[in-house]
N, C-alpha and C. Protein backbone atom coordinates (compact mmCIF):
# COMPACT_ATOMS: atom_id res chain seq x y z
N MET A 1 27.47 1.56 -8.13
CA MET A 1 26.68 1.79 -6.94
C MET A 1 25.31 2.36 -7.30
N MET A 2 25.28 3.18 -8.34
CA MET A 2 24.00 3.74 -8.76
C MET A 2 23.09 2.65 -9.32
N GLY A 3 23.67 1.69 -10.01
CA GLY A 3 22.88 0.59 -10.56
C GLY A 3 22.26 -0.27 -9.48
N VAL A 4 23.04 -0.54 -8.44
CA VAL A 4 22.53 -1.34 -7.31
C VAL A 4 21.41 -0.60 -6.60
N SER A 5 21.61 0.69 -6.37
CA SER A 5 20.56 1.45 -5.69
C SER A 5 19.30 1.55 -6.56
N PHE A 6 19.47 1.63 -7.87
CA PHE A 6 18.31 1.65 -8.76
C PHE A 6 17.53 0.34 -8.68
N LEU A 7 18.26 -0.77 -8.64
CA LEU A 7 17.59 -2.07 -8.49
C LEU A 7 16.86 -2.19 -7.16
N ILE A 8 17.43 -1.65 -6.09
CA ILE A 8 16.78 -1.68 -4.78
C ILE A 8 15.49 -0.85 -4.81
N ILE A 9 15.53 0.29 -5.49
CA ILE A 9 14.33 1.12 -5.62
C ILE A 9 13.25 0.36 -6.39
N ILE A 10 13.62 -0.29 -7.47
CA ILE A 10 12.66 -1.06 -8.27
C ILE A 10 12.06 -2.19 -7.45
N ILE A 11 12.89 -2.89 -6.68
CA ILE A 11 12.39 -3.98 -5.82
C ILE A 11 11.39 -3.43 -4.82
N GLY A 12 11.67 -2.27 -4.23
CA GLY A 12 10.74 -1.66 -3.29
C GLY A 12 9.40 -1.33 -3.94
N PHE A 13 9.44 -0.79 -5.16
CA PHE A 13 8.20 -0.46 -5.84
C PHE A 13 7.43 -1.72 -6.23
N VAL A 14 8.13 -2.78 -6.60
CA VAL A 14 7.45 -4.03 -6.92
C VAL A 14 6.77 -4.59 -5.67
N LEU A 15 7.44 -4.48 -4.52
CA LEU A 15 6.82 -4.95 -3.29
C LEU A 15 5.59 -4.13 -2.90
N MET A 16 5.55 -2.87 -3.33
CA MET A 16 4.40 -2.01 -3.00
C MET A 16 3.20 -2.24 -3.90
N THR A 17 3.39 -2.94 -5.02
CA THR A 17 2.24 -3.17 -5.90
C THR A 17 1.23 -4.04 -5.17
N GLY A 18 0.01 -3.59 -5.17
CA GLY A 18 -1.04 -4.27 -4.43
C GLY A 18 -1.68 -5.41 -5.20
N VAL A 19 -2.65 -5.99 -4.56
CA VAL A 19 -3.41 -7.07 -5.18
C VAL A 19 -4.61 -6.47 -5.89
N LYS A 20 -5.14 -7.18 -6.87
CA LYS A 20 -6.34 -6.73 -7.55
C LYS A 20 -7.52 -6.96 -6.63
N THR A 21 -8.26 -5.89 -6.34
CA THR A 21 -9.35 -6.01 -5.37
C THR A 21 -10.66 -6.41 -6.03
N GLY A 22 -10.90 -5.92 -7.21
CA GLY A 22 -12.18 -6.25 -7.85
C GLY A 22 -13.32 -5.46 -7.23
N ALA A 23 -14.50 -6.06 -7.19
CA ALA A 23 -15.69 -5.36 -6.70
C ALA A 23 -15.81 -5.45 -5.18
N THR A 24 -15.20 -6.44 -4.56
CA THR A 24 -15.32 -6.60 -3.12
C THR A 24 -14.10 -6.03 -2.41
N PHE A 25 -14.27 -5.70 -1.15
CA PHE A 25 -13.17 -5.16 -0.35
C PHE A 25 -12.21 -6.29 0.02
N ASN A 26 -10.94 -6.05 -0.21
CA ASN A 26 -9.92 -7.03 0.10
C ASN A 26 -9.02 -6.46 1.19
N GLU A 27 -9.03 -7.08 2.34
CA GLU A 27 -8.25 -6.58 3.48
C GLU A 27 -6.75 -6.81 3.30
N GLU A 28 -6.37 -7.54 2.29
CA GLU A 28 -4.96 -7.83 2.03
C GLU A 28 -4.17 -6.57 1.67
N ILE A 29 -4.86 -5.50 1.26
CA ILE A 29 -4.15 -4.27 0.88
C ILE A 29 -3.47 -3.61 2.07
N TYR A 30 -3.82 -4.00 3.29
CA TYR A 30 -3.21 -3.44 4.49
C TYR A 30 -2.08 -4.31 5.03
N ALA A 31 -1.59 -5.24 4.25
CA ALA A 31 -0.51 -6.12 4.69
C ALA A 31 0.77 -5.30 4.87
N ALA A 32 1.64 -5.76 5.75
CA ALA A 32 2.87 -5.04 6.07
C ALA A 32 3.78 -4.91 4.85
N ARG A 33 3.72 -5.85 3.95
CA ARG A 33 4.56 -5.80 2.76
C ARG A 33 4.26 -4.57 1.92
N TYR A 34 2.99 -4.21 1.80
CA TYR A 34 2.59 -3.10 0.94
C TYR A 34 2.80 -1.74 1.60
N ILE A 35 2.58 -1.64 2.90
CA ILE A 35 2.60 -0.33 3.53
C ILE A 35 3.84 -0.07 4.39
N THR A 36 4.67 -1.09 4.63
CA THR A 36 5.84 -0.88 5.47
C THR A 36 7.12 -1.32 4.78
N VAL A 37 7.19 -2.55 4.38
CA VAL A 37 8.43 -3.11 3.84
C VAL A 37 8.80 -2.47 2.51
N GLY A 38 7.87 -2.39 1.59
CA GLY A 38 8.13 -1.80 0.27
C GLY A 38 8.63 -0.37 0.34
N PRO A 39 7.92 0.51 1.06
CA PRO A 39 8.41 1.89 1.16
C PRO A 39 9.76 2.01 1.87
N MET A 40 10.01 1.17 2.86
CA MET A 40 11.31 1.24 3.55
C MET A 40 12.44 0.83 2.62
N ILE A 41 12.23 -0.18 1.82
CA ILE A 41 13.27 -0.62 0.88
C ILE A 41 13.49 0.45 -0.19
N SER A 42 12.42 1.05 -0.69
CA SER A 42 12.57 2.11 -1.68
C SER A 42 13.29 3.31 -1.09
N PHE A 43 12.95 3.68 0.14
CA PHE A 43 13.60 4.81 0.80
C PHE A 43 15.10 4.54 0.96
N PHE A 44 15.46 3.32 1.37
CA PHE A 44 16.86 2.95 1.49
C PHE A 44 17.56 3.04 0.14
N GLY A 45 16.88 2.63 -0.92
CA GLY A 45 17.44 2.75 -2.26
C GLY A 45 17.66 4.19 -2.67
N PHE A 46 16.71 5.07 -2.34
CA PHE A 46 16.88 6.49 -2.65
C PHE A 46 18.04 7.10 -1.86
N LEU A 47 18.19 6.70 -0.60
CA LEU A 47 19.33 7.19 0.18
C LEU A 47 20.66 6.73 -0.42
N MET A 48 20.70 5.46 -0.84
CA MET A 48 21.91 4.96 -1.50
C MET A 48 22.18 5.71 -2.80
N MET A 49 21.14 6.06 -3.53
CA MET A 49 21.33 6.79 -4.79
C MET A 49 21.90 8.18 -4.53
N ILE A 50 21.40 8.84 -3.50
CA ILE A 50 21.94 10.16 -3.15
C ILE A 50 23.42 10.04 -2.78
N PHE A 51 23.75 9.03 -1.98
CA PHE A 51 25.15 8.82 -1.61
C PHE A 51 25.99 8.51 -2.85
N ALA A 52 25.48 7.71 -3.76
CA ALA A 52 26.23 7.36 -4.97
C ALA A 52 26.47 8.59 -5.85
N ILE A 53 25.51 9.50 -5.89
CA ILE A 53 25.68 10.71 -6.69
C ILE A 53 26.70 11.65 -6.05
N LEU A 54 26.65 11.79 -4.73
CA LEU A 54 27.52 12.73 -4.04
C LEU A 54 28.90 12.18 -3.71
N TYR A 55 29.08 10.87 -3.79
CA TYR A 55 30.36 10.25 -3.42
C TYR A 55 31.46 10.63 -4.42
N HIS A 56 32.56 11.08 -3.87
CA HIS A 56 33.71 11.45 -4.69
C HIS A 56 34.92 10.67 -4.19
N PRO A 57 35.37 9.66 -4.93
CA PRO A 57 36.49 8.85 -4.45
C PRO A 57 37.78 9.66 -4.37
N LYS A 58 38.60 9.35 -3.39
CA LYS A 58 39.87 10.03 -3.23
C LYS A 58 40.83 9.54 -4.30
N GLN A 59 41.55 10.48 -4.88
CA GLN A 59 42.51 10.13 -5.92
C GLN A 59 43.88 9.93 -5.31
N LYS A 60 44.61 8.95 -5.82
CA LYS A 60 45.97 8.71 -5.34
C LYS A 60 46.92 9.74 -5.94
N LYS A 61 47.89 10.12 -5.15
CA LYS A 61 48.89 11.08 -5.64
C LYS A 61 50.17 10.40 -5.96
């Protein structure tokens, strides 16, 4: 579960990587992918990681 959440965090960070702007202003940096979708996916991954760390499976008796 920790591995899956780590991959989700990485995917979120990859989605947040912006475009190369160069010398001119590029309005593409305000796209929803960079400022909304990427952070939400990373946040979900961090929540899953916290759950994976704190999860304690019940042992059979």
